[in-house]
PDB file of N, CA and C in Angstrom:
ATOM      1  N   MET A   1      25.559  95.794 199.183  1.00  0.00           N
ATOM      2  CA  MET A   1      24.575  95.392 199.058  1.00  0.00           C
ATOM      3  C   MET A   1      25.326  92.985 199.345  1.00  0.00           C
ATOM      4  N   ASN A   2      24.265  93.079 199.465  1.00  0.00           N
ATOM      5  CA  ASN A   2      25.052  91.001 200.115  1.00  0.00           C
ATOM      6  C   ASN A   2      24.315  90.768 198.125  1.00  0.00           C
ATOM      7  N   ILE A   3      25.154  90.340 197.786  1.00  0.00           N
ATOM      8  CA  ILE A   3      24.736  90.038 196.243  1.00  0.00           C
ATOM      9  C   ILE A   3      23.218  88.750 196.422  1.00  0.00           C
ATOM     10  N   ARG A   4      23.793  87.901 197.268  1.00  0.00           N
ATOM     11  CA  ARG A   4      23.051  86.770 197.914  1.00  0.00           C
ATOM     12  C   ARG A   4      21.929  87.010 197.951  1.00  0.00           C
ATOM     13  N   ASN A   5      21.171  88.197 198.219  1.00  0.00           N
ATOM     14  CA  ASN A   5      19.800  89.436 198.435  1.00  0.00           C
ATOM     15  C   ASN A   5      18.670  89.105 196.573  1.00  0.00           C
ATOM     16  N   LEU A   6      19.370  89.169 196.453  1.00  0.00           N
ATOM     17  CA  LEU A   6      18.825  89.272 194.330  1.00  0.00           C
ATOM     18  C   LEU A   6      18.927  87.566 193.870  1.00  0.00           C
ATOM     19  N   ILE A   7      18.951  86.582 194.908  1.00  0.00           N
ATOM     20  CA  ILE A   7      18.089  85.910 194.289  1.00  0.00           C
ATOM     21  C   ILE A   7      17.153  85.612 193.853  1.00  0.00           C
ATOM     22  N   PRO A   8      16.482  85.007 193.118  1.00  0.00           N
ATOM     23  CA  PRO A   8      15.165  85.220 193.367  1.00  0.00           C
ATOM     24  C   PRO A   8      14.592  83.261 195.355  1.00  0.00           C
ATOM     25  N   LYS A   9      13.808  84.233 195.776  1.00  0.00           N
ATOM     26  CA  LYS A   9      13.070  83.076 196.788  1.00  0.00           C
ATOM     27  C   LYS A   9      12.386  81.902 196.473  1.00  0.00           C
ATOM     28  N   ASP A  10      11.355  82.679 195.017  1.00  0.00           N
ATOM     29  CA  ASP A  10      10.123  81.765 194.741  1.00  0.00           C
ATOM     30  C   ASP A  10       9.961  81.804 192.857  1.00  0.00           C
ATOM     31  N   LYS A  11       9.159  81.471 192.158  1.00  0.00           N
ATOM     32  CA  LYS A  11       9.483  81.027 191.384  1.00  0.00           C
ATOM     33  C   LYS A  11       8.055  82.591 189.975  1.00  0.00           C
ATOM     34  N   PHE A  12       8.285  83.765 191.290  1.00  0.00           N
ATOM     35  CA  PHE A  12       7.052  84.876 191.377  1.00  0.00           C
ATOM     36  C   PHE A  12       8.111  86.104 191.530  1.00  0.00           C
ATOM     37  N   ASP A  13       9.427  85.701 191.892  1.00  0.00           N
ATOM     38  CA  ASP A  13       9.730  86.753 192.792  1.00  0.00           C
ATOM     39  C   ASP A  13      11.195  87.651 191.742  1.00  0.00           C
ATOM     40  N   GLU A  14      10.503  88.965 191.043  1.00  0.00           N
ATOM     41  CA  GLU A  14      10.973  89.018 190.241  1.00  0.00           C
ATOM     42  C   GLU A  14      11.914  90.922 191.293  1.00  0.00           C
ATOM     43  N   SER A  15      12.346  90.762 192.182  1.00  0.00           N
ATOM     44  CA  SER A  15      12.277  91.700 193.262  1.00  0.00           C
ATOM     45  C   SER A  15      13.598  92.376 193.055  1.00  0.00           C
ATOM     46  N   GLY A  16      14.281  91.527 192.262  1.00  0.00           N
ATOM     47  CA  GLY A  16      15.846  91.933 192.326  1.00  0.00           C
ATOM     48  C   GLY A  16      15.726  92.127 191.384  1.00  0.00           C
ATOM     49  N   VAL A  17      15.575  91.596 189.675  1.00  0.00           N
ATOM     50  CA  VAL A  17      15.352  91.562 188.339  1.00  0.00           C
ATOM     51  C   VAL A  17      16.400  92.877 187.888  1.00  0.00           C
ATOM     52  N   GLU A  18      15.748  93.881 188.296  1.00  0.00           N
ATOM     53  CA  GLU A  18      16.411  95.017 187.877  1.00  0.00           C
ATOM     54  C   GLU A  18      17.365  95.234 188.359  1.00  0.00           C
ATOM     55  N   GLU A  19      17.709  95.127 190.007  1.00  0.00           N
ATOM     56  CA  GLU A  19      19.539  95.276 190.171  1.00  0.00           C
ATOM     57  C   GLU A  19      20.173  94.101 189.470  1.00  0.00           C
ATOM     58  N   LEU A  20      20.006  93.074 189.556  1.00  0.00           N
ATOM     59  CA  LEU A  20      21.175  92.483 188.921  1.00  0.00           C
ATOM     60  C   LEU A  20      21.267  92.988 187.577  1.00  0.00           C
ATOM     61  N   LYS A  21      20.639  93.360 186.477  1.00  0.00           N
ATOM     62  CA  LYS A  21      20.539  93.911 185.666  1.00  0.00           C
ATOM     63  C   LYS A  21      21.915  94.939 185.380  1.00  0.00           C
ATOM     64  N   LYS A  22      21.770  96.148 186.308  1.00  0.00           N
ATOM     65  CA  LYS A  22      22.831  96.907 186.609  1.00  0.00           C
ATOM     66  C   LYS A  22      23.895  95.632 186.843  1.00  0.00           C
ATOM     67  N   LEU A  23      24.359  94.859 187.160  1.00  0.00           N
ATOM     68  CA  LEU A  23      25.631  94.591 187.040  1.00  0.00           C
ATOM     69  C   LEU A  23      26.436  94.409 186.129  1.00  0.00           C
ATOM     70  N   SER A  24      28.358  93.256 186.192  1.00  0.00           N
ATOM     71  CA  SER A  24      28.793  93.423 185.345  1.00  0.00           C
ATOM     72  C   SER A  24      28.536  91.405 185.730  1.00  0.00           C
ATOM     73  N   PHE A  25      29.741  90.847 184.903  1.00  0.00           N
ATOM     74  CA  PHE A  25      30.005  89.432 184.860  1.00  0.00           C
ATOM     75  C   PHE A  25      30.291  88.801 186.430  1.00  0.00           C
ATOM     76  N   GLU A  26      31.362  89.745 186.676  1.00  0.00           N
ATOM     77  CA  GLU A  26      32.406  89.857 187.846  1.00  0.00           C
ATOM     78  C   GLU A  26      31.524  89.615 189.356  1.00  0.00           C
ATOM     79  N   GLN A  27      30.045  90.726 189.046  1.00  0.00           N
ATOM     80  CA  GLN A  27      29.839  90.952 190.315  1.00  0.00           C
ATOM     81  C   GLN A  27      28.984  89.695 190.127  1.00  0.00           C
ATOM     82  N   ILE A  28      28.137  88.912 189.502  1.00  0.00           N
ATOM     83  CA  ILE A  28      26.828  87.800 189.480  1.00  0.00           C
ATOM     84  C   ILE A  28      27.774  87.096 189.412  1.00  0.00           C
ATOM     85  N   LYS A  29      29.304  86.864 189.050  1.00  0.00           N
ATOM     86  CA  LYS A  29      29.295  85.099 189.174  1.00  0.00           C
ATOM     87  C   LYS A  29      29.133  84.416 190.147  1.00  0.00           C
ATOM     88  N   PRO A  30      29.466  84.691 191.645  1.00  0.00           N
ATOM     89  CA  PRO A  30      29.667  84.573 192.681  1.00  0.00           C
ATOM     90  C   PRO A  30      28.246  83.261 192.740  1.00  0.00           C
ATOM     91  N   ILE A  31      26.258  83.623 191.939  1.00  0.00           N
ATOM     92  CA  ILE A  31      25.188  83.198 192.171  1.00  0.00           C
ATOM     93  C   ILE A  31      24.562  83.091 191.171  1.00  0.00           C
ATOM     94  N   ILE A  32      25.474  82.658 190.022  1.00  0.00           N
ATOM     95  CA  ILE A  32      25.257  82.398 188.348  1.00  0.00           C
ATOM     96  C   ILE A  32      24.670  80.704 188.529  1.00  0.00           C
ATOM     97  N   PRO A  33      25.073  80.253 189.255  1.00  0.00           N
ATOM     98  CA  PRO A  33      24.780  78.511 189.319  1.00  0.00           C
ATOM     99  C   PRO A  33      23.680  78.592 189.879  1.00  0.00           C
ATOM    100  N   ASN A  34      23.172  79.290 191.232  1.00  0.00           N
ATOM    101  CA  ASN A  34      21.751  80.049 191.281  1.00  0.00           C
ATOM    102  C   ASN A  34      20.722  80.648 190.912  1.00  0.00           C
ATOM    103  N   LEU A  35      21.715  81.535 189.275  1.00  0.00           N
ATOM    104  CA  LEU A  35      20.394  81.550 188.719  1.00  0.00           C
ATOM    105  C   LEU A  35      19.884  80.680 187.772  1.00  0.00           C
ATOM    106  N   LEU A  36      21.042  80.163 186.983  1.00  0.00           N
ATOM    107  CA  LEU A  36      20.746  79.152 186.461  1.00  0.00           C
ATOM    108  C   LEU A  36      19.522  77.961 186.827  1.00  0.00           C
ATOM    109  N   GLU A  37      19.221  77.716 188.618  1.00  0.00           N
ATOM    110  CA  GLU A  37      18.511  77.188 188.951  1.00  0.00           C
ATOM    111  C   GLU A  37      16.908  77.942 187.991  1.00  0.00           C
ATOM    112  N   TRP A  38      17.253  78.981 188.279  1.00  0.00           N
ATOM    113  CA  TRP A  38      15.265  79.173 188.195  1.00  0.00           C
ATOM    114  C   TRP A  38      15.315  79.548 186.363  1.00  0.00           C
ATOM    115  N   MET A  39      16.113  78.373 186.042  1.00  0.00           N
ATOM    116  CA  MET A  39      15.639  77.969 184.572  1.00  0.00           C
ATOM    117  C   MET A  39      15.619  76.720 184.074  1.00  0.00           C
ATOM    118  N   GLN A  40      15.324  75.858 185.575  1.00  0.00           N
ATOM    119  CA  GLN A  40      14.311  74.577 185.165  1.00  0.00           C
ATOM    120  C   GLN A  40      13.324  74.718 184.854  1.00  0.00           C
ATOM    121  N   ASP A  41      12.826  75.684 184.632  1.00  0.00           N
ATOM    122  CA  ASP A  41      11.558  74.991 184.269  1.00  0.00           C
ATOM    123  C   ASP A  41      10.899  76.944 183.513  1.00  0.00           C
ATOM    124  N   MET A  42      11.009  77.058 182.358  1.00  0.00           N
ATOM    125  CA  MET A  42      10.376  78.863 181.693  1.00  0.00           C
ATOM    126  C   MET A  42       9.402  79.448 181.761  1.00  0.00           C
ATOM    127  N   ASN A  43       8.313  78.211 182.629  1.00  0.00           N
ATOM    128  CA  ASN A  43       7.567  78.497 182.898  1.00  0.00           C
ATOM    129  C   ASN A  43       7.247  79.594 183.461  1.00  0.00           C
ATOM    130  N   TRP A  44       8.361  79.576 184.757  1.00  0.00           N
ATOM    131  CA  TRP A  44       7.958  80.572 185.746  1.00  0.00           C
ATOM    132  C   TRP A  44       8.313  81.610 185.523  1.00  0.00           C
ATOM    133  N   PRO A  45       7.319  82.697 186.015  1.00  0.00           N
ATOM    134  CA  PRO A  45       7.832  84.007 185.816  1.00  0.00           C
ATOM    135  C   PRO A  45       8.942  84.362 186.122  1.00  0.00           C
ATOM    136  N   VAL A  46       9.616  84.144 186.538  1.00  0.00           N
ATOM    137  CA  VAL A  46      11.046  85.119 186.969  1.00  0.00           C
ATOM    138  C   VAL A  46      12.103  84.069 186.438  1.00  0.00           C
ATOM    139  N   ALA A  47      11.807  83.382 185.677  1.00  0.00           N
ATOM    140  CA  ALA A  47      12.786  82.122 184.094  1.00  0.00           C
ATOM    141  C   ALA A  47      12.987  82.895 183.128  1.00  0.00           C
ATOM    142  N   ARG A  48      12.006  83.472 182.206  1.00  0.00           N
ATOM    143  CA  ARG A  48      12.636  84.231 181.283  1.00  0.00           C
ATOM    144  C   ARG A  48      14.024  86.024 182.067  1.00  0.00           C
ATOM    145  N   CYS A  49      13.225  86.090 183.053  1.00  0.00           N
ATOM    146  CA  CYS A  49      13.820  87.793 183.279  1.00  0.00           C
ATOM    147  C   CYS A  49      15.782  86.748 184.137  1.00  0.00           C
ATOM    148  N   ILE A  50      15.530  86.104 184.529  1.00  0.00           N
ATOM    149  CA  ILE A  50      16.755  85.350 184.662  1.00  0.00           C
ATOM    150  C   ILE A  50      17.849  85.020 183.064  1.00  0.00           C
ATOM    151  N   ALA A  51      16.944  84.584 182.158  1.00  0.00           N
ATOM    152  CA  ALA A  51      17.347  84.221 181.058  1.00  0.00           C
ATOM    153  C   ALA A  51      17.876  85.807 180.066  1.00  0.00           C
ATOM    154  N   ASP A  52      16.993  86.131 180.239  1.00  0.00           N
ATOM    155  CA  ASP A  52      17.308  87.697 180.045  1.00  0.00           C
ATOM    156  C   ASP A  52      18.800  88.251 180.553  1.00  0.00           C
ATOM    157  N   ILE A  53      19.154  87.924 182.040  1.00  0.00           N
ATOM    158  CA  ILE A  53      20.123  88.066 182.868  1.00  0.00           C
ATOM    159  C   ILE A  53      21.486  87.468 182.234  1.00  0.00           C
ATOM    160  N   LEU A  54      21.632  86.177 181.602  1.00  0.00           N
ATOM    161  CA  LEU A  54      22.630  85.394 181.714  1.00  0.00           C
ATOM    162  C   LEU A  54      22.701  85.219 180.091  1.00  0.00           C
ATOM    163  N   GLU A  55      21.387  85.802 179.043  1.00  0.00           N
ATOM    164  CA  GLU A  55      22.249  84.767 178.328  1.00  0.00           C
ATOM    165  C   GLU A  55      23.680  85.877 177.378  1.00  0.00           C
ATOM    166  N   PRO A  56      23.579  87.070 177.840  1.00  0.00           N
ATOM    167  CA  PRO A  56      25.024  87.984 177.497  1.00  0.00           C
ATOM    168  C   PRO A  56      26.340  87.598 178.113  1.00  0.00           C
ATOM    169  N   PHE A  57      26.455  86.466 179.075  1.00  0.00           N
ATOM    170  CA  PHE A  57      27.112  85.984 179.211  1.00  0.00           C
ATOM    171  C   PHE A  57      27.450  84.213 179.008  1.00  0.00           C
ATOM    172  N   ALA A  58      26.621  83.868 178.487  1.00  0.00           N
ATOM    173  CA  ALA A  58      26.485  82.255 178.114  1.00  0.00           C
ATOM    174  C   ALA A  58      27.730  82.082 177.522  1.00  0.00           C
ATOM    175  N   HIS A  59      28.912  82.895 176.943  1.00  0.00           N
ATOM    176  CA  HIS A  59      29.977  82.327 176.808  1.00  0.00           C
ATOM    177  C   HIS A  59      31.173  81.854 177.994  1.00  0.00           C
ATOM    178  N   ARG A  60      30.509  83.094 179.082  1.00  0.00           N
ATOM    179  CA  ARG A  60      31.251  82.935 180.111  1.00  0.00           C
ATOM    180  C   ARG A  60      31.010  82.339 181.256  1.00  0.00           C
ATOM    181  N   ILE A  61      30.006  81.352 180.917  1.00  0.00           N
ATOM    182  CA  ILE A  61      29.941  80.296 181.598  1.00  0.00           C
ATOM    183  C   ILE A  61      29.881  78.656 181.135  1.00  0.00           C
ATOM    184  N   THR A  62      30.358  78.476 180.214  1.00  0.00           N
ATOM    185  CA  THR A  62      30.930  76.920 180.057  1.00  0.00           C
ATOM    186  C   THR A  62      30.168  76.098 181.064  1.00  0.00           C
ATOM    187  N   TYR A  63      31.531  75.887 181.943  1.00  0.00           N
ATOM    188  CA  TYR A  63      31.100  75.006 183.533  1.00  0.00           C
ATOM    189  C   TYR A  63      29.812  74.476 183.931  1.00  0.00           C
ATOM    190  N   GLU A  64      29.157  75.815 184.318  1.00  0.00           N
ATOM    191  CA  GLU A  64      28.068  76.364 184.638  1.00  0.00           C
ATOM    192  C   GLU A  64      27.323  75.102 183.525  1.00  0.00           C
ATOM    193  N   ILE A  65      26.918  75.401 182.748  1.00  0.00           N
ATOM    194  CA  ILE A  65      26.715  75.293 181.409  1.00  0.00           C
ATOM    195  C   ILE A  65      26.474  73.321 180.962  1.00  0.00           C
ATOM    196  N   LEU A  66      27.766  73.005 181.374  1.00  0.00           N
ATOM    197  CA  LEU A  66      27.665  71.457 180.859  1.00  0.00           C
ATOM    198  C   LEU A  66      27.126  70.884 182.147  1.00  0.00           C
ATOM    199  N   TYR A  67      27.541  70.987 183.026  1.00  0.00           N
ATOM    200  CA  TYR A  67      27.409  70.825 183.929  1.00  0.00           C
ATOM    201  C   TYR A  67      25.673  70.487 183.535  1.00  0.00           C
ATOM    202  N   ILE A  68      24.990  70.911 183.165  1.00  0.00           N
ATOM    203  CA  ILE A  68      23.681  70.789 183.245  1.00  0.00           C
ATOM    204  C   ILE A  68      22.941  70.090 182.160  1.00  0.00           C
ATOM    205  N   LEU A  69      24.278  70.330 180.930  1.00  0.00           N
ATOM    206  CA  LEU A  69      23.785  69.269 179.924  1.00  0.00           C
ATOM    207  C   LEU A  69      24.497  68.035 179.655  1.00  0.00           C
ATOM    208  N   LYS A  70      24.981  67.501 181.784  1.00  0.00           N
ATOM    209  CA  LYS A  70      25.189  65.996 181.249  1.00  0.00           C
ATOM    210  C   LYS A  70      24.662  65.999 183.180  1.00  0.00           C
ATOM    211  N   SER A  71      23.948  66.551 183.535  1.00  0.00           N
ATOM    212  CA  SER A  71      22.965  66.060 184.230  1.00  0.00           C
ATOM    213  C   SER A  71      21.329  65.264 183.927  1.00  0.00           C
ATOM    214  N   ASP A  72      20.670  64.300 184.939  1.00  0.00           N
ATOM    215  CA  ASP A  72      20.094  63.874 184.859  1.00  0.00           C
ATOM    216  C   ASP A  72      18.415  64.801 184.466  1.00  0.00           C
ATOM    217  N   ASP A  73      18.358  66.331 185.432  1.00  0.00           N
ATOM    218  CA  ASP A  73      17.769  67.122 184.469  1.00  0.00           C
ATOM    219  C   ASP A  73      17.430  67.696 182.952  1.00  0.00           C
ATOM    220  N   VAL A  74      16.567  66.441 182.273  1.00  0.00           N
ATOM    221  CA  VAL A  74      16.128  66.932 181.215  1.00  0.00           C
ATOM    222  C   VAL A  74      15.620  67.753 180.476  1.00  0.00           C
ATOM    223  N   MET A  75      14.794  68.321 181.697  1.00  0.00           N
ATOM    224  CA  MET A  75      13.443  69.744 180.896  1.00  0.00           C
ATOM    225  C   MET A  75      14.730  70.427 181.387  1.00  0.00           C
ATOM    226  N   TRP A  76      15.707  70.844 182.406  1.00  0.00           N
ATOM    227  CA  TRP A  76      16.424  71.712 182.287  1.00  0.00           C
ATOM    228  C   TRP A  76      16.781  71.634 181.230  1.00  0.00           C
ATOM    229  N   LYS A  77      18.080  70.547 181.122  1.00  0.00           N
ATOM    230  CA  LYS A  77      18.760  70.734 179.432  1.00  0.00           C
ATOM    231  C   LYS A  77      18.108  71.367 178.366  1.00  0.00           C
ATOM    232  N   PHE A  78      16.400  71.277 177.762  1.00  0.00           N
ATOM    233  CA  PHE A  78      15.868  70.748 177.434  1.00  0.00           C
ATOM    234  C   PHE A  78      15.664  72.773 177.029  1.00  0.00           C
ATOM    235  N   TRP A  79      15.297  73.719 178.190  1.00  0.00           N
ATOM    236  CA  TRP A  79      15.451  75.104 178.022  1.00  0.00           C
ATOM    237  C   TRP A  79      16.131  75.531 178.627  1.00  0.00           C
ATOM    238  N   ILE A  80      17.800  74.972 178.453  1.00  0.00           N
ATOM    239  CA  ILE A  80      19.098  75.489 178.915  1.00  0.00           C
ATOM    240  C   ILE A  80      18.715  75.689 176.329  1.00  0.00           C
ATOM    241  N   LEU A  81      18.926  74.513 176.504  1.00  0.00           N
ATOM    242  CA  LEU A  81      19.205  74.081 174.677  1.00  0.00           C
ATOM    243  C   LEU A  81      18.688  75.544 174.177  1.00  0.00           C
ATOM    244  N   CYS A  82      18.104  75.573 174.225  1.00  0.00           N
ATOM    245  CA  CYS A  82      16.391  76.051 174.312  1.00  0.00           C
ATOM    246  C   CYS A  82      16.743  77.799 174.108  1.00  0.00           C
ATOM    247  N   VAL A  83      16.956  78.237 175.429  1.00  0.00           N
ATOM    248  CA  VAL A  83      16.995  79.265 175.293  1.00  0.00           C
ATOM    249  C   VAL A  83      18.455  80.363 175.871  1.00  0.00           C
ATOM    250  N   LEU A  84      19.221  79.791 176.346  1.00  0.00           N
ATOM    251  CA  LEU A  84      20.481  80.069 176.192  1.00  0.00           C
ATOM    252  C   LEU A  84      21.627  79.630 175.488  1.00  0.00           C
ATOM    253  N   ILE A  85      21.676  78.717 174.711  1.00  0.00           N
ATOM    254  CA  ILE A  85      22.844  78.644 174.453  1.00  0.00           C
ATOM    255  C   ILE A  85      22.634  77.754 172.564  1.00  0.00           C
ATOM    256  N   LYS A  86      21.587  78.743 172.397  1.00  0.00           N
ATOM    257  CA  LYS A  86      20.820  78.217 171.172  1.00  0.00           C
ATOM    258  C   LYS A  86      21.620  78.170 169.885  1.00  0.00           C
ATOM    259  N   SER A  87      22.169  79.391 170.362  1.00  0.00           N
ATOM    260  CA  SER A  87      23.444  79.906 168.777  1.00  0.00           C
ATOM    261  C   SER A  87      25.425  79.727 169.474  1.00  0.00           C
ATOM    262  N   THR A  88      25.651  79.041 170.618  1.00  0.00           N
ATOM    263  CA  THR A  88      26.267  79.283 170.904  1.00  0.00           C
ATOM    264  C   THR A  88      27.719  78.569 170.036  1.00  0.00           C
ATOM    265  N   ASN A  89      29.258  79.302 170.292  1.00  0.00           N
ATOM    266  CA  ASN A  89      30.071  78.095 168.813  1.00  0.00           C
ATOM    267  C   ASN A  89      31.453  77.997 170.031  1.00  0.00           C
ATOM    268  N   ASP A  90      30.633  77.738 171.324  1.00  0.00           N
ATOM    269  CA  ASP A  90      32.073  76.541 172.129  1.00  0.00           C
ATOM    270  C   ASP A  90      32.258  75.969 172.027  1.00  0.00           C
ATOM    271  N   PRO A  91      33.272  75.197 171.484  1.00  0.00           N
ATOM    272  CA  PRO A  91      33.810  74.229 171.442  1.00  0.00           C
ATOM    273  C   PRO A  91      33.155  72.992 172.614  1.00  0.00           C
ATOM    274  N   LEU A  92      33.240  73.219 174.223  1.00  0.00           N
ATOM    275  CA  LEU A  92      32.811  72.767 174.416  1.00  0.00           C
ATOM    276  C   LEU A  92      31.403  71.626 174.984  1.00  0.00           C
ATOM    277  N   ILE A  93      30.541  72.957 174.369  1.00  0.00           N
ATOM    278  CA  ILE A  93      29.032  72.571 174.504  1.00  0.00           C
ATOM    279  C   ILE A  93      29.217  72.179 173.583  1.00  0.00           C
ATOM    280  N   LEU A  94      29.220  72.366 172.264  1.00  0.00           N
ATOM    281  CA  LEU A  94      29.207  71.977 170.913  1.00  0.00           C
ATOM    282  C   LEU A  94      29.633  70.346 171.422  1.00  0.00           C
ATOM    283  N   LYS A  95      30.295  70.293 171.829  1.00  0.00           N
ATOM    284  CA  LYS A  95      30.660  68.857 171.856  1.00  0.00           C
ATOM    285  C   LYS A  95      28.956  67.845 172.335  1.00  0.00           C
ATOM    286  N   GLU A  96      28.801  68.391 173.680  1.00  0.00           N
ATOM    287  CA  GLU A  96      28.237  68.203 174.007  1.00  0.00           C
ATOM    288  C   GLU A  96      26.881  68.059 173.724  1.00  0.00           C
ATOM    289  N   ILE A  97      26.302  68.683 173.054  1.00  0.00           N
ATOM    290  CA  ILE A  97      24.906  68.839 171.761  1.00  0.00           C
ATOM    291  C   ILE A  97      25.348  68.309 171.112  1.00  0.00           C
ATOM    292  N   GLU A  98      26.620  67.462 170.262  1.00  0.00           N
ATOM    293  CA  GLU A  98      26.828  66.924 169.767  1.00  0.00           C
ATOM    294  C   GLU A  98      25.902  65.245 170.408  1.00  0.00           C
ATOM    295  N   ARG A  99      26.841  65.095 171.260  1.00  0.00           N
ATOM    296  CA  ARG A  99      26.580  63.856 171.845  1.00  0.00           C
ATOM    297  C   ARG A  99      24.891  63.875 172.478  1.00  0.00           C
ATOM    298  N   LEU A 100      24.194  64.379 172.665  1.00  0.00           N
ATOM    299  CA  LEU A 100      22.962  64.768 172.988  1.00  0.00           C
ATOM    300  C   LEU A 100      21.871  64.716 171.183  1.00  0.00           C
ATOM    301  N   ALA A 101      22.627  64.423 170.501  1.00  0.00           N
ATOM    302  CA  ALA A 101      21.691  65.017 169.122  1.00  0.00           C
ATOM    303  C   ALA A 101      22.237  63.779 168.072  1.00  0.00           C
ATOM    304  N   LYS A 102      23.211  62.354 168.433  1.00  0.00           N
ATOM    305  CA  LYS A 102      23.615  61.760 168.144  1.00  0.00           C
ATOM    306  C   LYS A 102      23.104  59.971 169.008  1.00  0.00           C
ATOM    307  N   ASN A 103      23.506  60.568 170.497  1.00  0.00           N
ATOM    308  CA  ASN A 103      23.104  59.634 171.292  1.00  0.00           C
ATOM    309  C   ASN A 103      22.737  59.876 172.623  1.00  0.00           C
ATOM    310  N   PRO A 104      21.363  60.160 172.477  1.00  0.00           N
ATOM    311  CA  PRO A 104      20.731  60.341 173.327  1.00  0.00           C
ATOM    312  C   PRO A 104      20.345  59.429 174.233  1.00  0.00           C
ATOM    313  N   THR A 105      20.288  59.522 175.522  1.00  0.00           N
ATOM    314  CA  THR A 105      19.339  58.366 176.637  1.00  0.00           C
ATOM    315  C   THR A 105      17.824  58.613 176.486  1.00  0.00           C
ATOM    316  N   ARG A 106      16.798  57.721 176.439  1.00  0.00           N
ATOM    317  CA  ARG A 106      15.485  57.483 176.395  1.00  0.00           C
ATOM    318  C   ARG A 106      14.981  58.762 176.586  1.00  0.00           C
ATOM    319  N   GLU A 107      15.471  59.431 177.949  1.00  0.00           N
ATOM    320  CA  GLU A 107      14.543  60.468 178.330  1.00  0.00           C
ATOM    321  C   GLU A 107      14.737  61.632 177.721  1.00  0.00           C
ATOM    322  N   GLU A 108      15.613  61.851 177.101  1.00  0.00           N
ATOM    323  CA  GLU A 108      15.924  62.395 176.577  1.00  0.00           C
ATOM    324  C   GLU A 108      15.223  62.945 174.829  1.00  0.00           C
ATOM    325  N   ILE A 109      15.307  61.781 174.047  1.00  0.00           N
ATOM    326  CA  ILE A 109      14.357  61.674 173.195  1.00  0.00           C
ATOM    327  C   ILE A 109      13.344  61.380 173.476  1.00  0.00           C
ATOM    328  N   GLU A 110      12.475  61.418 175.070  1.00  0.00           N
ATOM    329  CA  GLU A 110      10.401  61.614 175.196  1.00  0.00           C
ATOM    330  C   GLU A 110      10.558  63.248 175.661  1.00  0.00           C
ATOM    331  N   ASN A 111      11.777  63.990 175.322  1.00  0.00           N
ATOM    332  CA  ASN A 111      11.235  65.165 175.764  1.00  0.00           C
ATOM    333  C   ASN A 111      12.347  66.078 174.669  1.00  0.00           C
ATOM    334  N   ASP A 112      12.656  65.508 174.140  1.00  0.00           N
ATOM    335  CA  ASP A 112      12.775  66.259 172.613  1.00  0.00           C
ATOM    336  C   ASP A 112      14.007  66.884 172.897  1.00  0.00           C
ATOM    337  N   VAL A 113      14.721  66.672 173.510  1.00  0.00           N
ATOM    338  CA  VAL A 113      16.241  67.641 173.904  1.00  0.00           C
ATOM    339  C   VAL A 113      17.068  66.919 172.532  1.00  0.00           C
ATOM    340  N   ASP A 114      16.835  65.533 171.985  1.00  0.00           N
ATOM    341  CA  ASP A 114      17.755  65.702 171.428  1.00  0.00           C
ATOM    342  C   ASP A 114      16.997  66.348 169.688  1.00  0.00           C
ATOM    343  N   LEU A 115      16.087  66.392 169.943  1.00  0.00           N
ATOM    344  CA  LEU A 115      15.366  67.271 168.107  1.00  0.00           C
ATOM    345  C   LEU A 115      16.382  68.862 168.410  1.00  0.00           C
ATOM    346  N   VAL A 116      16.041  69.163 169.422  1.00  0.00           N
ATOM    347  CA  VAL A 116      16.725  70.309 169.744  1.00  0.00           C
ATOM    348  C   VAL A 116      18.059  70.576 168.991  1.00  0.00           C
ATOM    349  N   ALA A 117      19.030  69.195 169.548  1.00  0.00           N
ATOM    350  CA  ALA A 117      20.332  69.487 169.760  1.00  0.00           C
ATOM    351  C   ALA A 117      20.581  69.387 168.058  1.00  0.00           C
ATOM    352  N   ILE A 118      19.920  69.023 167.893  1.00  0.00           N
ATOM    353  CA  ILE A 118      20.468  68.296 166.154  1.00  0.00           C
ATOM    354  C   ILE A 118      19.737  70.014 165.487  1.00  0.00           C
ATOM    355  N   SER A 119      18.172  70.368 165.937  1.00  0.00           N
ATOM    356  CA  SER A 119      18.211  72.214 165.184  1.00  0.00           C
ATOM    357  C   SER A 119      19.541  72.480 165.544  1.00  0.00           C
ATOM    358  N   ILE A 120      19.415  72.483 166.821  1.00  0.00           N
ATOM    359  CA  ILE A 120      20.715  73.292 166.532  1.00  0.00           C
ATOM    360  C   ILE A 120      22.124  73.542 166.020  1.00  0.00           C
ATOM    361  N   LEU A 121      23.094  71.939 165.897  1.00  0.00           N
ATOM    362  CA  LEU A 121      24.073  71.551 165.628  1.00  0.00           C
ATOM    363  C   LEU A 121      23.687  72.160 163.955  1.00  0.00           C
ATOM    364  N   ASN A 122      22.515  71.880 163.402  1.00  0.00           N
ATOM    365  CA  ASN A 122      22.332  72.295 161.891  1.00  0.00           C
ATOM    366  C   ASN A 122      21.844  73.586 161.313  1.00  0.00           C
ATOM    367  N   GLY A 123      21.643  74.421 162.599  1.00  0.00           N
ATOM    368  CA  GLY A 123      21.444  76.094 162.820  1.00  0.00           C
ATOM    369  C   GLY A 123      20.072  76.560 161.985  1.00  0.00           C
ATOM    370  N   GLU A 124      19.411  75.625 162.884  1.00  0.00           N
ATOM    371  CA  GLU A 124      18.116  76.440 162.134  1.00  0.00           C
ATOM    372  C   GLU A 124      17.340  76.234 163.663  1.00  0.00           C
ATOM    373  N   TYR A 125      17.714  76.699 164.251  1.00  0.00           N
ATOM    374  CA  TYR A 125      17.072  76.488 165.996  1.00  0.00           C
ATOM    375  C   TYR A 125      17.208  77.786 165.951  1.00  0.00           C
ATOM    376  N   GLU A 126      15.827  78.599 165.673  1.00  0.00           N
ATOM    377  CA  GLU A 126      15.489  80.159 166.371  1.00  0.00           C
ATOM    378  C   GLU A 126      15.417  80.548 167.838  1.00  0.00           C
TER     379      GLU A 126
END
């Protein structure tokens, strides 16, 4: 089986989800960046499925998460904070969450990224 065939083709494509759930972190590691892209908008039907697959591995994808949190895609940051790392204890990620809380950009403020970051740091985000 080619693991790349399990990457969703569109926002409605949940065909590979059940197979992805059966795989170990090592098996899905090569496609994690591709899977994270499907979390850019949690309103997409496939997004929640992907989040459920990646959530147990969030502590193992620090650099992929940091890439998102340092990107210009404000809504992607919002969703990653809300869904994937709301209870992280990773020091590198917490440092970036602190930056989002204390020194947000105008766009991050307009999209409540700073408020979510503050809630996470205060242990209030569920």
